[in-house]
Each structure stands twice: as C-alpha cells, then as structure tokens.
Protein backbone atom coordinates (compact mmCIF):
# COMPACT_ATOMS: atom_id res chain seq x y z
CA MET A 1 55.30 37.18 1.95
CA THR A 2 51.98 36.57 3.56
CA PHE A 3 49.23 38.20 5.88
CA VAL A 4 47.68 36.09 8.47
CA VAL A 5 43.71 36.88 8.41
CA SER A 6 41.49 34.65 10.52
CA GLY A 7 43.76 31.58 10.50
CA ARG A 8 44.35 31.55 6.94
CA MET A 9 47.42 32.75 4.58
CA HIS A 10 46.72 35.11 1.95
CA ASP A 11 49.27 36.11 -0.64
CA VAL A 12 50.16 39.58 -0.56
CA MET A 13 52.62 39.83 -3.32
CA SER A 14 54.06 37.12 -5.83
CA LYS A 15 57.87 38.64 -5.02
CA THR A 16 59.44 40.18 -1.98
CA LEU A 17 56.90 42.68 -0.32
CA LYS A 18 58.46 46.22 -0.50
CA ILE A 19 57.48 48.20 2.38
CA PRO A 20 56.22 51.82 1.37
CA PHE A 21 57.22 55.21 2.68
CA ASP A 22 53.58 56.22 3.50
CA SER A 23 51.54 58.59 5.78
CA ALA A 24 52.45 56.63 8.85
CA CYS A 25 56.04 56.66 8.17
CA LEU A 26 55.95 60.41 7.36
CA ALA A 27 54.21 61.02 10.44
CA ALA A 28 56.79 59.24 12.64
CA VAL A 29 59.66 61.11 11.09
CA ILE A 30 57.93 64.42 11.88
CA ALA A 31 57.49 63.44 15.44
CA GLU A 32 61.27 62.68 15.39
CA VAL A 33 62.12 65.88 14.29
CA GLN A 34 59.80 68.15 16.54
CA PRO A 35 62.71 68.90 19.04
CA PHE A 36 64.04 70.97 16.47
CA VAL A 37 61.52 73.32 15.70
CA GLY A 38 62.71 76.97 16.77
CA GLY A 39 66.06 76.03 15.82
CA LYS A 40 68.01 77.23 12.83
CA VAL A 41 68.58 76.40 9.28
CA GLN A 42 72.54 76.25 9.12
CA ARG A 43 73.26 74.67 5.85
CA ILE A 44 71.41 73.57 2.60
CA ILE A 45 72.98 70.91 0.19
CA GLN A 46 71.59 69.28 -2.95
CA ALA A 47 73.87 66.42 -3.52
CA ASP A 48 71.59 65.04 -6.77
CA GLU A 49 68.74 66.11 -8.74
CA THR A 50 65.96 64.94 -6.67
CA SER A 51 67.21 65.65 -3.28
CA ILE A 52 68.15 68.41 -0.73
CA THR A 53 69.45 67.93 2.94
CA LEU A 54 68.83 70.71 5.51
CA SER A 55 71.06 70.75 8.59
CA LEU A 56 68.90 71.93 11.64
CA TYR A 57 70.45 73.16 14.80
CA ARG A 58 69.12 73.09 18.19
CA GLY A 59 71.86 72.50 20.69
CA SER A 60 72.93 69.63 18.52
CA GLU A 61 72.64 69.37 14.89
CA VAL A 62 70.93 66.95 12.74
CA HIS A 63 70.10 66.57 8.97
CA LEU A 64 66.86 66.40 7.17
CA MET A 65 66.88 64.73 3.81
CA VAL A 66 63.69 65.14 1.41
CA SER A 67 63.46 63.59 -1.82
CA TRP A 68 61.25 63.81 -4.43
CA HIS A 69 62.36 60.85 -6.48
CA PRO A 70 59.69 59.22 -8.43
CA ASP A 71 60.28 55.92 -7.16
CA PHE A 72 62.45 56.83 -3.80
CA ALA A 73 60.21 59.89 -2.31
CA ARG A 74 60.96 60.29 1.28
CA ALA A 75 61.83 62.46 4.07
CA HIS A 76 63.86 61.58 7.07
CA LEU A 77 67.05 62.14 9.32
CA VAL A 78 70.23 61.25 7.88
CA SER A 79 73.46 60.08 9.55
CA ARG A 80 75.74 61.95 7.32
CA ARG A 81 75.10 65.41 5.40
CA GLY A 82 76.96 64.47 2.35
CA PRO A 83 79.41 66.36 -0.03
CA ALA A 84 78.39 69.67 -1.36
CA PRO A 85 78.98 70.24 -5.00
CA GLN A 86 80.99 72.92 -6.37
CA ASN A 87 78.20 74.40 -8.55
CA PRO A 88 74.94 73.82 -6.62
CA PRO A 89 71.81 73.67 -8.80
CA GLY A 90 69.48 76.84 -9.19
CA PHE A 91 67.18 75.39 -6.85
CA CYS A 92 69.87 74.77 -4.20
CA GLN A 93 70.68 78.57 -4.80
CA ALA A 94 67.36 79.54 -4.30
CA LEU A 95 66.57 77.80 -1.00
CA ARG A 96 69.92 79.00 0.36
CA LYS A 97 69.08 82.77 -0.91
CA HIS A 98 65.66 82.92 1.28
CA LEU A 99 66.06 80.35 3.98
CA ASP A 100 70.07 80.42 5.17
CA ASP A 101 70.11 81.12 8.92
CA GLY A 102 66.37 81.20 8.92
CA GLN A 103 64.28 79.95 12.17
CA ILE A 104 62.51 76.83 12.20
CA ALA A 105 58.91 77.76 13.24
CA PHE A 106 57.23 74.59 12.36
CA ILE A 107 57.47 71.00 10.74
CA ARG A 108 54.09 69.53 10.42
CA GLN A 109 51.83 66.85 8.32
CA ARG A 110 48.89 68.16 6.11
CA GLY A 111 46.37 66.20 7.65
CA GLN A 112 47.58 62.48 7.54
CA ASP A 113 48.55 62.73 3.85
CA ARG A 114 52.12 62.34 2.46
CA ILE A 115 52.72 66.22 2.45
CA ILE A 116 55.30 67.94 4.81
CA GLU A 117 55.30 71.49 5.53
CA ILE A 118 58.20 73.25 6.99
CA GLY A 119 57.74 77.10 8.09
CA ILE A 120 61.03 79.06 8.21
CA SER A 121 61.24 82.49 9.21
CA ALA A 122 64.15 84.54 7.76
CA GLU A 123 65.34 87.91 7.47
CA SER A 124 63.60 88.30 4.24
CA GLY A 125 60.43 87.16 5.07
CA ASP A 126 58.21 83.83 6.13
CA TYR A 127 58.51 80.83 3.94
CA GLN A 128 57.04 77.36 3.77
CA LEU A 129 59.14 74.33 2.11
CA VAL A 130 56.28 72.01 1.10
CA ALA A 131 57.28 68.55 0.00
CA GLU A 132 54.55 66.32 -1.55
CA LEU A 133 55.94 62.53 -1.43
CA MET A 134 53.29 61.08 -3.70
CA GLY A 135 55.30 58.81 -6.31
CA LYS A 136 55.80 59.83 -9.40
CA HIS A 137 54.18 63.19 -8.75
CA SER A 138 56.63 64.13 -5.87
CA ASN A 139 57.85 67.60 -5.63
CA LEU A 140 59.25 70.02 -3.34
CA MET A 141 58.51 73.72 -3.34
CA LEU A 142 59.59 76.90 -1.82
CA VAL A 143 56.39 79.09 -1.21
CA GLY A 144 56.62 82.52 -0.10
CA SER A 145 54.27 84.14 2.60
CA ASP A 146 51.98 85.37 -0.15
CA ARG A 147 51.46 81.70 -1.19
CA ARG A 148 53.38 81.83 -4.61
CA VAL A 149 55.84 79.49 -5.43
CA ILE A 150 59.31 80.97 -5.48
CA ALA A 151 61.05 77.70 -6.55
CA ALA A 152 60.55 74.20 -7.22
CA GLY A 153 62.48 70.77 -7.29
CA LYS A 154 60.71 70.65 -10.73
CA TRP A 155 58.38 72.97 -12.78
CA VAL A 156 55.21 71.33 -14.01
CA SER A 157 53.43 73.13 -17.09
CA LYS A 158 49.92 73.13 -17.63
CA HIS A 159 50.31 70.44 -20.37
CA GLN A 160 51.68 68.37 -17.68
CA SER A 161 49.39 68.56 -15.05
CA LYS A 162 45.85 70.16 -14.16
CA ARG A 163 47.63 71.48 -11.57
CA PRO A 164 51.00 73.20 -12.80
CA ILE A 165 53.62 74.25 -10.62
CA ARG A 166 55.13 77.52 -12.12
CA ALA A 167 57.43 80.38 -10.73
CA ASN A 168 55.55 83.29 -9.34
CA GLN A 169 52.23 81.39 -9.41
CA PRO A 170 49.73 80.79 -6.39
CA TYR A 171 50.64 77.28 -4.51
CA GLU A 172 47.72 75.11 -4.64
CA VAL A 173 47.15 72.18 -2.44
CA PRO A 174 46.88 68.63 -4.23
CA PRO A 175 43.36 68.01 -4.98
CA LEU A 176 42.43 65.19 -2.89
CA PRO A 177 39.00 63.77 -2.29
CA GLU A 178 37.48 64.43 1.25
CA ARG A 179 38.13 60.65 3.21
CA ALA A 180 37.78 59.96 6.70
CA SER A 181 40.50 60.23 8.90
CA VAL A 182 42.27 57.09 10.62
CA LEU A 183 41.26 58.84 13.74
CA ASP A 184 37.65 58.94 13.30
CA VAL A 185 37.22 55.15 12.14
CA GLN A 186 35.91 52.03 13.99
CA GLU A 187 36.81 48.61 14.16
CA GLY A 188 34.85 46.81 11.53
CA ASP A 189 34.60 49.82 9.42
CA ASP A 190 35.74 49.69 5.64
CA LEU A 191 39.16 50.82 5.82
CA ARG A 192 39.56 51.53 2.06
CA ASP A 193 40.17 54.91 1.23
CA VAL A 194 40.62 56.23 4.74
CA GLU A 195 43.08 59.40 5.22
CA GLY A 196 46.28 58.03 6.89
CA ILE A 197 45.77 54.12 5.99
CA SER A 198 47.80 53.06 2.86
CA PRO A 199 47.22 49.62 1.43
CA PHE A 200 50.06 48.41 3.42
CA LEU A 201 48.82 49.77 6.70
CA ARG A 202 45.33 48.01 6.21
CA GLY A 203 46.94 44.92 5.27
CA LEU A 204 48.83 45.17 8.84
CA ILE A 205 45.50 45.71 10.39
CA GLU A 206 43.78 42.94 8.82
CA ALA A 207 46.91 40.76 9.79
CA GLY A 208 45.95 41.78 13.33
CA LEU A 209 47.66 44.91 14.41
CA PRO A 210 44.70 46.77 16.33
CA LEU A 211 43.28 49.85 14.68
CA ALA A 212 43.57 51.10 18.36
CA ARG A 213 47.33 50.79 18.27
CA VAL A 214 47.47 52.97 14.95
CA GLN A 215 45.18 55.62 16.03
CA GLN A 216 47.18 55.82 19.26
CA ALA A 217 50.54 56.25 17.05
CA PHE A 218 48.90 59.00 14.87
CA SER A 219 47.20 60.93 17.90
CA ALA A 220 50.04 60.79 20.72
CA ARG A 221 53.15 60.05 18.46
CA ALA A 222 53.83 56.75 19.81
CA TRP A 223 56.06 55.73 17.26
CA GLU A 224 58.30 52.69 17.11
CA ALA A 225 60.98 51.76 14.51
CA PHE A 226 61.51 48.33 12.82
CA TYR A 227 63.64 47.49 10.18
CA SER A 228 63.60 44.24 7.51
CA HIS A 229 66.16 43.73 4.99
CA ARG A 230 65.03 44.16 1.32
CA GLU A 231 61.53 44.87 2.49
CA GLY A 232 62.02 48.28 4.29
CA ALA A 233 61.13 50.06 7.56
CA TYR A 234 58.31 50.79 9.27
CA PRO A 235 56.98 52.55 12.66
CA LEU A 236 54.41 49.97 13.56
CA PRO A 237 55.17 46.29 14.58
CA LEU A 238 55.33 43.87 11.17
CA GLU A 239 54.23 40.87 12.78
CA GLY A 240 52.40 38.74 10.24
CA VAL A 241 54.35 40.22 7.40
CA THR A 242 57.92 39.26 7.85
CA ALA A 243 59.67 37.27 10.48
CA THR A 244 62.86 39.26 9.90
CA ALA A 245 62.04 42.59 11.47
CA ILE A 246 64.50 44.21 13.64
CA PRO A 247 64.02 47.23 16.15
CA ARG A 248 66.09 50.17 15.61
CA GLU A 249 66.73 53.46 17.83
CA SER A 250 64.60 55.78 15.43
CA ILE A 251 62.39 55.62 12.24
CA SER A 252 64.87 57.68 10.19
CA GLN A 253 67.98 55.31 10.95
CA ALA A 254 65.57 52.45 9.60
CA ILE A 255 64.31 54.34 6.70
CA GLU A 256 67.73 55.38 5.66
CA GLN A 257 69.36 51.78 6.02
CA ALA A 258 66.14 50.24 4.29
CA PHE A 259 66.53 52.79 1.13
CA ALA A 260 69.94 52.57 1.02
CA GLU A 261 69.51 48.83 0.07
CA ARG A 262 66.71 49.37 -2.09
CA ILE A 263 68.51 52.01 -4.04
CA ALA A 264 71.52 49.57 -4.37
CA LEU A 265 69.32 46.97 -5.67
CA ALA A 266 67.61 49.27 -8.09
CA GLN A 267 70.95 50.57 -9.49
CA VAL A 268 72.20 47.02 -9.73
CA SER A 269 68.90 45.96 -11.89
CA GLN A 270 69.40 48.96 -13.97
CA ALA A 271 72.92 48.13 -14.50
CA ARG A 272 72.15 44.84 -15.36
CA ASP A 273 69.28 45.60 -17.76
CA ALA A 274 71.27 48.27 -19.43
CA LEU A 275 74.31 45.73 -20.08
CA LEU A 276 72.08 42.95 -21.15
CA SER A 277 70.16 45.08 -23.86
CA GLN A 278 73.85 45.71 -25.59
CA LEU A 279 74.71 42.16 -25.24
CA ARG A 280 71.13 40.99 -26.83
CA ARG A 281 71.62 43.32 -29.89
CA VAL A 282 74.98 41.96 -30.50
CA ALA A 283 73.91 38.24 -30.10
CA LEU A 284 71.18 39.06 -32.59
CA ALA A 285 73.94 40.55 -35.17
CA ARG A 286 75.81 37.33 -34.51
CA GLU A 287 72.84 34.92 -35.00
CA THR A 288 72.08 36.91 -38.27
CA ALA A 289 75.50 36.60 -39.46
CA LEU A 290 75.56 33.03 -38.78
CA ALA A 291 72.72 32.43 -40.77
CA SER A 292 74.00 34.22 -43.81
CA LEU A 293 77.23 32.33 -43.24
CA ASP A 294 75.23 28.99 -43.16
CA GLN A 295 73.74 29.80 -46.34
CA ALA A 296 77.18 30.74 -47.84
CA VAL A 297 78.57 27.51 -46.75
CA GLU A 298 75.73 25.87 -48.55
CA ALA A 299 76.46 27.56 -51.82
CA ALA A 300 80.15 26.80 -51.31
CA ASP A 301 78.97 22.93 -51.08
CA ARG A 302 77.33 23.56 -54.28
CA ALA A 303 80.88 24.03 -56.27
CA PRO A 304 80.77 20.59 -58.01
CA GLN A 305 77.38 21.22 -59.04
CA LEU A 306 78.24 24.65 -60.59
CA GLN A 307 81.35 23.38 -62.33
CA GLN A 308 79.19 20.66 -63.85
CA THR A 309 76.50 23.28 -64.95
CA ALA A 310 79.58 24.97 -66.79
CA GLU A 311 80.76 21.85 -68.62
CA LEU A 312 77.06 21.06 -69.79
CA VAL A 313 77.16 24.40 -71.11
CA LEU A 314 80.33 23.74 -72.96
CA ALA A 315 78.82 20.32 -74.20
CA TYR A 316 75.87 21.38 -75.68
CA GLN A 317 77.13 24.86 -76.92
CA GLY A 318 75.85 24.02 -80.43
CA MET A 319 72.40 23.88 -79.14
CA VAL A 320 72.50 27.53 -77.96
CA LYS A 321 71.17 30.37 -80.08
CA PRO A 322 72.18 34.14 -79.91
CA GLY A 323 69.77 35.54 -77.51
CA ASP A 324 68.77 32.22 -75.66
CA SER A 325 67.71 32.89 -72.10
CA ALA A 326 67.91 28.80 -71.02
CA LEU A 327 69.53 25.50 -72.33
CA THR A 328 68.05 22.12 -72.07
CA ALA A 329 70.79 19.60 -71.83
CA TRP A 330 71.15 16.14 -69.91
CA ASP A 331 73.72 15.65 -67.10
CA TYR A 332 76.01 12.82 -66.62
CA GLN A 333 73.06 10.54 -65.15
CA GLY A 334 70.99 11.12 -67.95
CA ASN A 335 68.27 13.62 -66.52
CA GLU A 336 67.04 16.64 -68.29
CA VAL A 337 68.25 19.90 -66.76
CA VAL A 338 67.18 23.47 -67.71
CA ILE A 339 70.22 25.88 -67.42
CA LYS A 340 69.83 29.70 -66.97
CA LEU A 341 71.78 31.90 -69.58
CA GLU A 342 72.30 35.42 -70.36
CA PRO A 343 71.05 36.18 -73.36
CA GLU A 344 73.60 38.82 -74.06
CA LEU A 345 76.32 36.46 -73.75
CA SER A 346 77.67 33.60 -76.01
CA ALA A 347 77.35 30.18 -75.05
CA VAL A 348 81.06 29.83 -73.95
CA GLU A 349 80.90 33.21 -72.22
CA ASN A 350 77.96 31.75 -70.12
CA ALA A 351 80.18 28.62 -69.70
CA ASN A 352 83.06 30.71 -68.09
CA LYS A 353 80.45 32.66 -65.90
CA TRP A 354 79.30 29.47 -64.28
CA PHE A 355 83.02 28.19 -64.20
CA GLU A 356 83.87 31.32 -62.37
CA LYS A 357 80.94 31.03 -59.95
CA ALA A 358 82.47 27.55 -59.26
CA ARG A 359 85.47 28.47 -58.77
CA ARG A 360 84.73 31.47 -56.33
CA ALA A 361 82.41 29.18 -54.18
CA LYS A 362 85.64 26.44 -53.89
CA ASN A 363 87.93 29.23 -53.01
CA ARG A 364 85.60 30.56 -50.43
CA ALA A 365 84.44 27.63 -48.53
CA GLY A 366 87.46 27.09 -46.25
CA GLU A 367 87.36 30.97 -45.37
CA ILE A 368 83.61 30.77 -45.04
CA VAL A 369 84.09 27.86 -42.48
CA GLU A 370 86.39 29.34 -40.71
CA GLN A 371 84.36 32.68 -40.20
CA ARG A 372 81.23 30.48 -39.30
CA ASP A 373 83.21 28.88 -36.58
CA ARG A 374 84.85 32.08 -34.91
CA ILE A 375 81.57 33.73 -35.09
CA ALA A 376 79.91 30.65 -33.32
CA HIS A 377 82.47 30.38 -30.90
CA ASP A 378 82.22 34.13 -29.74
CA LEU A 379 78.22 33.62 -29.82
CA ASP A 380 78.65 30.68 -27.23
CA ARG A 381 80.88 33.27 -25.07
CA LEU A 382 78.51 35.78 -25.40
CA ARG A 383 75.24 33.83 -24.25
CA LYS A 384 77.47 32.49 -21.33
CA VAL A 385 78.31 35.93 -20.27
CA MET A 386 74.80 36.73 -20.55
CA ALA A 387 73.70 34.21 -18.15
CA ASP A 388 76.03 35.50 -15.96
CA VAL A 389 74.76 39.18 -16.09
CA GLU A 390 71.20 37.51 -15.47
CA LEU A 391 72.76 36.04 -12.03
CA ALA A 392 74.58 39.05 -10.97
CA ASP A 393 73.57 41.05 -8.05
CA SER A 394 76.17 43.20 -6.98
CA PRO A 395 77.84 46.39 -8.75
CA VAL A 396 80.91 44.69 -8.77
CA GLU A 397 79.93 41.83 -10.61
CA ILE A 398 77.99 43.76 -13.13
CA ALA A 399 81.27 45.91 -13.55
CA ASP A 400 83.30 43.08 -13.98
CA LEU A 401 81.25 41.57 -16.66
CA ARG A 402 80.97 44.92 -18.22
CA ALA A 403 84.53 45.59 -18.37
CA PHE A 404 84.81 41.56 -20.06
CA ALA A 405 82.10 42.20 -22.40
CA ASP A 406 83.81 45.47 -23.23
CA GLN A 407 87.39 43.82 -23.70
CA SER A 408 85.51 41.39 -26.21
CA LYS A 409 84.51 44.53 -28.17
CA TRP A 410 80.84 43.65 -27.62
CA LEU A 411 79.98 47.11 -26.41
CA HIS A 412 79.27 49.92 -28.66
CA HIS A 413 80.48 53.46 -27.21
CA ALA A 414 78.55 56.20 -28.12
CA ALA A 415 80.59 59.02 -29.28
CA THR A 416 81.34 61.80 -27.19
CA PRO A 417 80.01 65.34 -28.45
CA LYS A 418 82.88 67.53 -29.40
CA ALA A 419 83.21 70.82 -30.36
CA LYS A 420 82.74 71.56 -34.03
CA GLU A 421 86.27 72.27 -34.77
CA ASP A 422 87.32 68.96 -33.10
CA ARG A 423 84.29 66.82 -35.12
CA PRO A 424 85.45 63.90 -37.29
CA PHE A 425 84.71 64.34 -40.90
CA GLU A 426 85.29 67.94 -40.66
CA GLY A 427 81.85 68.38 -39.44
CA HIS A 428 79.96 66.71 -41.96
CA PRO A 429 77.12 64.33 -40.60
CA ILE A 430 78.76 61.00 -41.64
CA ARG A 431 77.26 57.78 -39.36
CA GLU A 432 78.96 54.71 -38.26
CA MET A 433 78.22 51.34 -37.85
CA LEU A 434 79.95 48.09 -37.62
CA SER A 435 79.26 45.09 -40.32
CA PRO A 436 78.53 41.45 -39.07
CA ALA A 437 82.05 40.71 -39.20
CA GLY A 438 82.95 43.88 -37.42
CA TYR A 439 84.07 46.35 -40.80
CA ARG A 440 83.70 49.67 -40.13
CA VAL A 441 80.90 51.00 -42.23
CA LEU A 442 79.92 54.77 -42.99
CA TYR A 443 77.20 56.55 -44.72
CA GLY A 444 76.36 60.13 -45.52
CA THR A 445 73.06 61.72 -44.42
CA ASN A 446 72.86 64.21 -47.11
CA ALA A 447 74.30 65.24 -50.59
CA THR A 448 77.44 67.07 -49.22
CA SER A 449 78.33 64.57 -46.91
CA ASN A 450 77.85 61.83 -49.25
CA ASP A 451 80.25 63.82 -51.42
CA TYR A 452 82.88 64.32 -48.63
CA LEU A 453 82.61 60.45 -47.87
CA VAL A 454 83.37 59.48 -51.34
CA GLN A 455 86.35 62.17 -52.05
CA LYS A 456 88.09 62.50 -49.00
CA VAL A 457 87.37 59.78 -46.65
CA ALA A 458 87.16 56.45 -48.81
CA LYS A 459 90.18 54.72 -49.94
CA GLY A 460 90.68 52.96 -53.41
CA ASN A 461 90.12 49.29 -52.06
CA ASP A 462 87.06 50.21 -49.99
CA TRP A 463 83.61 48.76 -51.07
CA TRP A 464 81.28 51.52 -52.12
CA PHE A 465 77.20 51.06 -52.42
CA HIS A 466 74.32 52.96 -54.01
CA VAL A 467 70.70 52.01 -54.80
CA ARG A 468 70.85 51.92 -58.65
CA GLY A 469 69.17 54.71 -60.45
CA GLN A 470 67.80 56.33 -57.37
CA THR A 471 68.63 58.57 -54.56
CA SER A 472 70.33 56.82 -51.80
CA ALA A 473 73.25 57.42 -49.17
CA HIS A 474 76.75 56.65 -50.36
CA VAL A 475 77.69 53.57 -48.12
CA VAL A 476 81.41 52.81 -47.80
CA LEU A 477 82.78 49.68 -46.27
CA GLN A 478 86.29 50.29 -45.17
CA THR A 479 88.53 47.07 -45.98
CA SER A 480 92.03 47.98 -44.54
CA GLY A 481 93.04 47.23 -48.26
CA HIS A 482 91.79 43.86 -48.23
CA PRO A 483 88.50 43.90 -50.31
CA GLU A 484 88.43 40.07 -51.15
CA LYS A 485 88.07 39.34 -47.52
CA VAL A 486 84.96 40.91 -47.09
CA GLN A 487 82.32 38.22 -47.34
CA ILE A 488 78.23 38.12 -48.51
CA PRO A 489 76.88 38.92 -44.99
CA ASP A 490 78.96 42.35 -44.62
CA LEU A 491 78.06 43.26 -48.47
CA ILE A 492 74.51 42.38 -47.79
CA PHE A 493 74.58 44.51 -44.54
CA CYS A 494 75.81 47.50 -46.37
CA ALA A 495 73.34 46.98 -49.33
CA GLU A 496 70.41 46.85 -47.06
CA LEU A 497 71.84 50.01 -45.15
CA ALA A 498 72.02 51.93 -48.57
CA ALA A 499 68.39 50.67 -49.30
CA ARG A 500 67.06 51.71 -45.91
CA ASN A 501 68.73 55.30 -46.51
CA SER A 502 67.11 55.80 -50.08
CA VAL A 503 63.96 56.84 -51.64
CA ALA A 504 63.21 53.05 -52.26
CA LYS A 505 63.14 52.08 -48.56
CA HIS A 506 59.65 50.87 -48.63
CA SER A 507 60.16 48.77 -51.61
CA THR A 508 60.70 44.93 -51.27
CA TYR A 509 63.16 44.12 -54.11
CA VAL A 510 65.80 47.00 -54.42
CA PRO A 511 68.87 46.63 -56.78
CA VAL A 512 71.99 47.99 -54.93
CA ASP A 513 75.18 48.33 -56.98
CA TYR A 514 78.46 48.10 -55.44
CA THR A 515 82.01 48.54 -56.89
CA LEU A 516 85.53 49.42 -55.28
CA LYS A 517 85.87 52.93 -54.46
CA LYS A 518 88.83 53.46 -57.05
CA TYR A 519 86.04 52.41 -59.98
CA VAL A 520 84.04 55.64 -58.68
CA ARG A 521 84.54 59.10 -59.83
CA LYS A 522 82.70 62.55 -59.76
CA PRO A 523 82.30 64.16 -62.94
CA ARG A 524 83.87 67.98 -63.15
CA GLY A 525 81.20 70.33 -62.22
CA SER A 526 78.49 68.02 -61.21
CA ALA A 527 76.68 68.69 -58.26
CA PRO A 528 77.46 67.16 -54.75
CA GLY A 529 76.86 63.63 -54.05
CA SER A 530 76.83 63.06 -58.19
CA VAL A 531 78.99 60.25 -59.58
CA VAL A 532 79.55 57.69 -62.14
CA TYR A 533 80.89 54.20 -61.41
CA GLU A 534 81.82 51.10 -63.42
CA ARG A 535 82.79 47.56 -62.94
CA GLU A 536 79.84 47.36 -60.54
CA LYS A 537 78.06 44.17 -59.27
CA THR A 538 74.40 44.03 -58.06
CA LEU A 539 72.79 42.73 -55.06
CA HIS A 540 68.82 42.63 -54.84
CA VAL A 541 67.65 43.40 -50.99
CA ASP A 542 64.63 43.86 -49.03
CA PRO A 543 65.00 46.87 -46.70
C-alpha cells in the first residue's frame, strides 16, 4: 500500500494497511448521531466484556455501540442491537440503574481527541458516559454530576497507571500535552503532533488530500463515508491510498462492515495460532521419540556384536579373576578388544548378562522398527496438517482442521474443573501426561498423593519410577497389563519426569530406579510416600 508524494511512491506498510479509528472517524460518528440529542435512552445491552449498546429514540430508534476493546476500540451506530444476555454484567446493571429512560443532553468530542462524552439527564441526576478510545488504554466510565466515577468498563489501580480509575474517585481527564489544533494549522506546517491529525490522516494529506478539506470536515461536519475491504473505513476521500475505496451511505455503516471483517480475520488468526501451537508441541514430541527410536534401532543392530562379546567372555573365562572389571581378549578377526565386566559377577554370569542383552536387542528389533515407522508416518501426516493450518483463512477451515487433529489424538484437552466430590483420585493432586508412544503417565505432587497413587491407582504390571536414594515424585506408567511392550523412549520419558520432580532436578546425571508396581510395597506404619522395592533396573538421565 503506497502514498503518492511529489510524483514518487513511498511504502507505508510492508503489509496490508489498516485504516485506524482515529479522531476524524469519531468526529464523523458524533456528527451522525447529533439528530438524537434530546432523545431518550431506551435500552442498554452489554453483549460482551468490552462493549455496550445504547438504544436511542427520537422519532426513530438507533443503536449506538461503544467498544473499549484494546485492539478494536471504537464508537458507531450498528444495524442490529444484538441479543441481551440473561445475566448482564455488573457494569451494565449500573448503567441501567442510572441511565434507563434518561434524556440525551449532548454527544460531543473532547477537543479533537478520541474521547466521546455523552451527557444524560435522568430522574436520579445528571450523568456523563465518557469513552476514551485510545488503544490498550481504552475505557468507558459513568461519571456523576460531582465528577466522581460511578462505574467503569474496567477498573484501573494505582499500580497499573498514574491515572487510576476507581469507584467513587474523581474522574481525571487524560493528561494529554497541549498541541495545536487541526483547525489552526496552515499549509506547509509540520503536521506531526497536531490535535486531530493522526499519522494516517497526515499520510492522506501528504498524498494530496487538501488540508482545507480536512479543516472544513472538522469545522462544518462535512464528512463523507468510504469503505475498503480488509483496510477499513474513513470519513474522507482515500485517493492515493487504496484503489478499492467504495462510498457508503454513512460512516457508521462503513465502520461496522470494516470492523466486522477485521475482527473475523483476527479471530481466524488467533484460532490458527492456537492450533499451530498445540500441533508444534506434538510434532516436537514425535521428533524426540523418533530420535530415541533411531538410537534403539542402532542398539538392536548391535545384537550380533553383543552375541560375540558374550561368546568371547566364555571363551576367555579362564583369564577372568574375581573382582576384575574388564577382560582383554581377541575377537574372531584377531583384533584385541577390552570387554567391560561387572566385578561382583563371575565370568559365566557376565557372559550370560551379555547373552541376555543380545537376546533382548534381537527380540525388540522388529517391534522397534514397526513403532518407528508408525510414528514417522504420524509425523508426516501431522506436518501436512500444520501446512494446511498455516494456509487456512476461514473459521470453517480452521474448525475442520481442528476436528481432524482432535480425531487423530493430537490435541490435549485441559481437564474441566469439577466439584471436589467429583474430582478424580478422590481429590489428590495427581497429574497426568502422555509418553511419546501415548501411554498414560501419572505422578504425585506431594507425599500423600504419591502414597495414594502407589497404593490405590497403580496396577501390578504398571511401571513405577523413583529417583534412587532421594526425595522425588512417584511416577507410574500405565501399561494395561502389557509392560513388555513399553519401549525405551517411554521409560526414559518417565525417568526424566521423576528426576525433574525431585531434589536432584538441577543435577546432570540422576539415577532413576524403575520396576513393576507389584514389586513395590509400603512397610507397615511407615510415613506417606515411603516404600521399599526390589527387582529394579536403573536409568541415568539428565533432567
């Protein structure tokens, strides 16, 4: 999008230009609603957290919407009043209490700033609705005749701002610096920091819009209405800015259409980013699992080497002395090799241990390859969906892709808060996660929840994990009765989880014992969370 300046083209923004709701827009809207000064406030509706709609009647009825949304703050007439919630917010109730059936005394702009003041005389007194439409600082306040704030769209504490908005405290006008008015400047003046001239309007003037035309619009309320798809609406001609500007009957009609599209686009963008964020986490988990499975495949491919090592230990067992931690031997090709031994085991026992490693590696090879291929296929599907999400530009597309992702079990749903008596685990704080292969993993957050997890929840063939010799969470991987199917990446995932939830979480080499839950028991009379266990194996992990 470009402006024309002295025959040269200057880039204004690297992406589609968004026409702001500035002082000129507000002035045009205020001019449009002036015929309803003297009319009555018939109904007040607050359809969401950041907007209210006032129904004004004077011979006919119109609906004035004021929004203090941080990104979409604005005020204009709307074509429909919208549904009224069954339980209106407290702010809406306060407005109804004081303003219902009140008479509109004035609707005016403070100077040429983005502040609209609506004076209303009601049975209980005189009031002002003051809307400050200033980006993230936007707000709407009900102010009494004594200038004290009665109600506000959002309360602002003294810790949040130098100008707090608090109940029953005096309303203070925003501390804006004194600036020259748009009505007082002349051709050739520096238009920066001029009251009423936003950066966008200054660009229009630099692009060729006569300053006199702008001043006439402010002084004589000689506004027009133009709408541009995805760019916005403005009450002055847009030549030189966009070739798609379309005249509209009223500025409110143009603004309503423009913001409806802008909000829809923002909602699509927000939904797209939220879905992508979840899918990226799943993709990262799949990539991590694949890396671990690739290592497991490499280990399985070493089965013949492990077999040969076991055979060499048997062949050279006569050279092994009690307490030896290594054996120097020669392989089948005549090369010297050094074989690690367990000092407390005999030569035959060491050989049997190597034979067992070879057997496990050989037996697991096919299953690991199958699991790796399955996860790789799932990751390919996931990446394709992520690419589709990035290209989606409608709520329907995003909803369809989210449904597909949910059906594919890629989305994690936060648990809905339940009443205490309906909570799982009888209210004990036990957290749930999914391992890389999708196994359900549970762990306690304190001694009593750990105790409950081990004694009441875990089944005999579930895997149980705990940091060796140190205080840590009890971690349980639920196997549905098939512990032999659990692969190394899932075991490492649980071991790291136990280490991260332990006093050794800042260490770099943490031993984590794991065994089947049926080999874990609580001694009689011991403290909650205290157990003894046997037949354990150990994983060393970096939390």
